[in-house]
Amino acid sequence: MRELNSVLIGKQIRNARKKAKLTQSELGLKIGRSKQWVSELERGHIRLTYESAVQISLACGITTDFFCSKSPQTID
């Protein structure tokens, strides 16, 4: 079940990043991580920490509540 949650969160992160018009490299630079780390996170291979959720939220202009839903969200 943890893997499924990580995959769903990864999809949400990808949606937020794309809506913010950021590449994986650009998001990585904004949050102090590599492009590879962002890619792994978006694919659900890395579990999202609270600190990373806050950093990603700030970089993408969203709230951390975005990551708490049980299904992938889109940003209007």
C-alpha atoms as a PDB file:
ATOM      1  CA  MET A   1       0.000   0.000   0.000  1.00  0.00           C
ATOM      2  CA  ARG A   2       2.890   2.378   0.716  1.00  0.00           C
ATOM      3  CA  GLU A   3       4.110   2.023  -2.872  1.00  0.00           C
ATOM      4  CA  LEU A   4       0.695   2.946  -4.225  1.00  0.00           C
ATOM      5  CA  ASN A   5       0.630   6.057  -2.049  1.00  0.00           C
ATOM      6  CA  SER A   6       4.105   7.024  -3.243  1.00  0.00           C
ATOM      7  CA  VAL A   7       3.045   6.568  -6.859  1.00  0.00           C
ATOM      8  CA  LEU A   8      -0.072   8.719  -6.365  1.00  0.00           C
ATOM      9  CA  ILE A   9       1.932  11.424  -4.618  1.00  0.00           C
ATOM     10  CA  GLY A  10       4.487  11.282  -7.425  1.00  0.00           C
ATOM     11  CA  LYS A  11       1.742  11.881  -9.970  1.00  0.00           C
ATOM     12  CA  GLN A  12       0.499  14.831  -7.937  1.00  0.00           C
ATOM     13  CA  ILE A  13       3.999  16.288  -7.797  1.00  0.00           C
ATOM     14  CA  ARG A  14       4.380  15.884 -11.555  1.00  0.00           C
ATOM     15  CA  ASN A  15       1.018  17.651 -12.100  1.00  0.00           C
ATOM     16  CA  ALA A  16       2.027  20.506  -9.774  1.00  0.00           C
ATOM     17  CA  ARG A  17       5.444  20.867 -11.411  1.00  0.00           C
ATOM     18  CA  LYS A  18       3.995  20.959 -14.905  1.00  0.00           C
ATOM     19  CA  LYS A  19       1.312  23.465 -13.904  1.00  0.00           C
ATOM     20  CA  ALA A  20       4.087  25.654 -12.467  1.00  0.00           C
ATOM     21  CA  LYS A  21       5.847  25.288 -15.857  1.00  0.00           C
ATOM     22  CA  LEU A  22       8.978  23.845 -14.266  1.00  0.00           C
ATOM     23  CA  THR A  23      11.210  21.116 -15.627  1.00  0.00           C
ATOM     24  CA  GLN A  24      12.498  18.447 -13.287  1.00  0.00           C
ATOM     25  CA  SER A  25      15.871  20.202 -13.352  1.00  0.00           C
ATOM     26  CA  GLU A  26      14.346  23.579 -12.486  1.00  0.00           C
ATOM     27  CA  LEU A  27      12.323  22.141  -9.612  1.00  0.00           C
ATOM     28  CA  GLY A  28      15.411  20.335  -8.371  1.00  0.00           C
ATOM     29  CA  LEU A  29      17.395  23.580  -8.357  1.00  0.00           C
ATOM     30  CA  LYS A  30      14.636  25.402  -6.463  1.00  0.00           C
ATOM     31  CA  ILE A  31      14.513  22.750  -3.740  1.00  0.00           C
ATOM     32  CA  GLY A  32      18.197  21.844  -3.589  1.00  0.00           C
ATOM     33  CA  ARG A  33      17.845  18.403  -5.171  1.00  0.00           C
ATOM     34  CA  SER A  34      18.970  16.812  -8.424  1.00  0.00           C
ATOM     35  CA  LYS A  35      16.878  16.194 -11.525  1.00  0.00           C
ATOM     36  CA  GLN A  36      17.335  12.484 -10.877  1.00  0.00           C
ATOM     37  CA  TRP A  37      15.906  12.831  -7.346  1.00  0.00           C
ATOM     38  CA  VAL A  38      12.828  14.647  -8.696  1.00  0.00           C
ATOM     39  CA  SER A  39      12.391  11.944 -11.351  1.00  0.00           C
ATOM     40  CA  GLU A  40      12.609   9.167  -8.753  1.00  0.00           C
ATOM     41  CA  LEU A  41      10.129  10.998  -6.508  1.00  0.00           C
ATOM     42  CA  GLU A  42       7.648  11.475  -9.361  1.00  0.00           C
ATOM     43  CA  ARG A  43       7.845   7.768 -10.188  1.00  0.00           C
ATOM     44  CA  GLY A  44       7.144   6.831  -6.572  1.00  0.00           C
ATOM     45  CA  HIS A  45      10.585   5.388  -5.860  1.00  0.00           C
ATOM     46  CA  ILE A  46      11.266   7.886  -3.055  1.00  0.00           C
ATOM     47  CA  ARG A  47       8.932   8.605  -0.167  1.00  0.00           C
ATOM     48  CA  LEU A  48       7.990  12.257   0.224  1.00  0.00           C
ATOM     49  CA  THR A  49       9.091  13.804   3.520  1.00  0.00           C
ATOM     50  CA  TYR A  50       7.290  16.707   5.144  1.00  0.00           C
ATOM     51  CA  GLU A  51      10.281  18.970   4.520  1.00  0.00           C
ATOM     52  CA  SER A  52      10.366  18.083   0.825  1.00  0.00           C
ATOM     53  CA  ALA A  53       6.594  18.578   0.537  1.00  0.00           C
ATOM     54  CA  VAL A  54       6.966  22.095   1.951  1.00  0.00           C
ATOM     55  CA  GLN A  55       9.846  22.899  -0.412  1.00  0.00           C
ATOM     56  CA  ILE A  56       7.979  21.552  -3.444  1.00  0.00           C
ATOM     57  CA  SER A  57       4.814  23.396  -2.431  1.00  0.00           C
ATOM     58  CA  LEU A  58       6.672  26.686  -2.192  1.00  0.00           C
ATOM     59  CA  ALA A  59       8.467  26.124  -5.499  1.00  0.00           C
ATOM     60  CA  CYS A  60       5.221  25.238  -7.313  1.00  0.00           C
ATOM     61  CA  GLY A  61       3.008  27.836  -5.628  1.00  0.00           C
ATOM     62  CA  ILE A  62       0.627  25.342  -3.992  1.00  0.00           C
ATOM     63  CA  THR A  63      -0.242  24.330  -0.430  1.00  0.00           C
ATOM     64  CA  THR A  64       0.904  21.107   1.208  1.00  0.00           C
ATOM     65  CA  ASP A  65      -2.773  20.058   1.388  1.00  0.00           C
ATOM     66  CA  PHE A  66      -2.397  19.229  -2.287  1.00  0.00           C
ATOM     67  CA  PHE A  67      -0.425  16.101  -1.350  1.00  0.00           C
ATOM     68  CA  CYS A  68      -2.986  14.825   1.166  1.00  0.00           C
ATOM     69  CA  SER A  69      -5.760  13.703  -1.183  1.00  0.00           C
ATOM     70  CA  LYS A  70      -6.234  10.031  -1.990  1.00  0.00           C
ATOM     71  CA  SER A  71      -6.420  10.536  -5.754  1.00  0.00           C
ATOM     72  CA  PRO A  72      -4.278  12.537  -8.174  1.00  0.00           C
ATOM     73  CA  GLN A  73      -5.405  16.126  -8.394  1.00  0.00           C
ATOM     74  CA  THR A  74      -5.149  18.632 -11.134  1.00  0.00           C
ATOM     75  CA  ILE A  75      -4.537  22.285 -10.489  1.00  0.00           C
ATOM     76  CA  ASP A  76      -6.955  24.773 -12.031  1.00  0.00           C
END
